[in-house]
């Protein structure tokens, strides 16, 4: 098995959003290893774009249907 090498990339928020959305498209349109890798990248970027604590995220999702974004 080959050894993994980590590469650090600095992106602006709009660049990270673009990459996240592109990875989501790959997940929807590809299968196998490509979709799996895109899914992993998408999750890492999404986690860094929205660094909310887990409890806060659960609370937000619980009442999301009662308080749509922008109407709070």
C-alpha atoms as a PDB file:
ATOM      1  CA  UNK A   1       0.000   0.000   0.000  1.00  0.00           C
ATOM      2  CA  UNK A   2       1.395   3.398  -0.922  1.00  0.00           C
ATOM      3  CA  UNK A   3       1.946   5.986   1.761  1.00  0.00           C
ATOM      4  CA  UNK A   4      -0.423   8.989   1.778  1.00  0.00           C
ATOM      5  CA  UNK A   5       0.942  12.479   1.354  1.00  0.00           C
ATOM      6  CA  UNK A   6      -0.996  15.453   2.709  1.00  0.00           C
ATOM      7  CA  UNK A   7      -1.086  18.727   0.816  1.00  0.00           C
ATOM      8  CA  UNK A   8      -2.323  21.928   2.440  1.00  0.00           C
ATOM      9  CA  UNK A   9      -4.384  24.238   0.244  1.00  0.00           C
ATOM     10  CA  UNK A  10      -5.511  27.714   1.285  1.00  0.00           C
ATOM     11  CA  UNK A  11      -8.799  28.771  -0.314  1.00  0.00           C
ATOM     12  CA  UNK A  12     -11.036  31.786   0.034  1.00  0.00           C
ATOM     13  CA  UNK A  13     -14.571  31.072   1.205  1.00  0.00           C
ATOM     14  CA  UNK A  14     -15.947  31.450  -2.328  1.00  0.00           C
ATOM     15  CA  UNK A  15     -13.277  29.103  -3.737  1.00  0.00           C
ATOM     16  CA  UNK A  16     -14.016  26.527  -1.030  1.00  0.00           C
ATOM     17  CA  UNK A  17     -17.738  26.777  -1.775  1.00  0.00           C
ATOM     18  CA  UNK A  18     -17.027  26.229  -5.477  1.00  0.00           C
ATOM     19  CA  UNK A  19     -14.916  23.136  -4.760  1.00  0.00           C
ATOM     20  CA  UNK A  20     -17.532  21.776  -2.327  1.00  0.00           C
ATOM     21  CA  UNK A  21     -20.308  22.205  -4.895  1.00  0.00           C
ATOM     22  CA  UNK A  22     -18.162  20.601  -7.603  1.00  0.00           C
ATOM     23  CA  UNK A  23     -17.494  17.609  -5.363  1.00  0.00           C
ATOM     24  CA  UNK A  24     -21.243  17.258  -4.742  1.00  0.00           C
ATOM     25  CA  UNK A  25     -21.828  17.126  -8.504  1.00  0.00           C
ATOM     26  CA  UNK A  26     -19.174  14.445  -8.888  1.00  0.00           C
ATOM     27  CA  UNK A  27     -20.834  12.416  -6.105  1.00  0.00           C
ATOM     28  CA  UNK A  28     -24.173  12.596  -7.909  1.00  0.00           C
ATOM     29  CA  UNK A  29     -22.851  11.795 -11.397  1.00  0.00           C
ATOM     30  CA  UNK A  30     -20.007   9.333 -10.819  1.00  0.00           C
ATOM     31  CA  UNK A  31     -19.746   5.974  -9.114  1.00  0.00           C
ATOM     32  CA  UNK A  32     -17.074   3.959  -7.380  1.00  0.00           C
ATOM     33  CA  UNK A  33     -13.779   5.423  -6.234  1.00  0.00           C
ATOM     34  CA  UNK A  34     -14.354   8.828  -7.846  1.00  0.00           C
ATOM     35  CA  UNK A  35     -17.611   9.347  -5.969  1.00  0.00           C
ATOM     36  CA  UNK A  36     -16.092   8.121  -2.713  1.00  0.00           C
ATOM     37  CA  UNK A  37     -13.107  10.458  -2.949  1.00  0.00           C
ATOM     38  CA  UNK A  38     -15.317  13.408  -3.928  1.00  0.00           C
ATOM     39  CA  UNK A  39     -17.580  12.666  -0.954  1.00  0.00           C
ATOM     40  CA  UNK A  40     -14.631  12.690   1.445  1.00  0.00           C
ATOM     41  CA  UNK A  41     -13.353  16.002   0.056  1.00  0.00           C
ATOM     42  CA  UNK A  42     -16.848  17.521   0.184  1.00  0.00           C
ATOM     43  CA  UNK A  43     -17.280  16.543   3.853  1.00  0.00           C
ATOM     44  CA  UNK A  44     -13.937  18.066   4.881  1.00  0.00           C
ATOM     45  CA  UNK A  45     -14.651  21.326   3.075  1.00  0.00           C
ATOM     46  CA  UNK A  46     -18.242  21.535   4.367  1.00  0.00           C
ATOM     47  CA  UNK A  47     -17.031  20.967   7.935  1.00  0.00           C
ATOM     48  CA  UNK A  48     -14.530  23.804   7.584  1.00  0.00           C
ATOM     49  CA  UNK A  49     -17.021  26.173   5.954  1.00  0.00           C
ATOM     50  CA  UNK A  50     -19.602  25.643   8.730  1.00  0.00           C
ATOM     51  CA  UNK A  51     -17.684  25.023  11.950  1.00  0.00           C
ATOM     52  CA  UNK A  52     -20.733  24.926  14.251  1.00  0.00           C
ATOM     53  CA  UNK A  53     -20.648  22.853  17.421  1.00  0.00           C
ATOM     54  CA  UNK A  54     -22.520  19.559  17.117  1.00  0.00           C
ATOM     55  CA  UNK A  55     -25.165  20.446  19.760  1.00  0.00           C
ATOM     56  CA  UNK A  56     -25.932  23.728  18.016  1.00  0.00           C
ATOM     57  CA  UNK A  57     -26.298  21.946  14.674  1.00  0.00           C
ATOM     58  CA  UNK A  58     -28.745  19.434  16.188  1.00  0.00           C
ATOM     59  CA  UNK A  59     -30.787  22.231  17.756  1.00  0.00           C
ATOM     60  CA  UNK A  60     -30.828  24.161  14.467  1.00  0.00           C
ATOM     61  CA  UNK A  61     -31.949  21.102  12.478  1.00  0.00           C
ATOM     62  CA  UNK A  62     -34.678  20.277  15.002  1.00  0.00           C
ATOM     63  CA  UNK A  63     -36.488  23.558  14.358  1.00  0.00           C
ATOM     64  CA  UNK A  64     -35.437  24.172  10.744  1.00  0.00           C
ATOM     65  CA  UNK A  65     -38.933  23.627   9.387  1.00  0.00           C
ATOM     66  CA  UNK A  66     -40.419  26.154  11.841  1.00  0.00           C
ATOM     67  CA  UNK A  67     -37.826  28.859  11.211  1.00  0.00           C
ATOM     68  CA  UNK A  68     -36.656  28.885   7.571  1.00  0.00           C
ATOM     69  CA  UNK A  69     -33.404  30.720   6.911  1.00  0.00           C
ATOM     70  CA  UNK A  70     -33.847  34.484   6.687  1.00  0.00           C
ATOM     71  CA  UNK A  71     -37.106  34.611   8.673  1.00  0.00           C
ATOM     72  CA  UNK A  72     -35.677  34.375  12.191  1.00  0.00           C
END
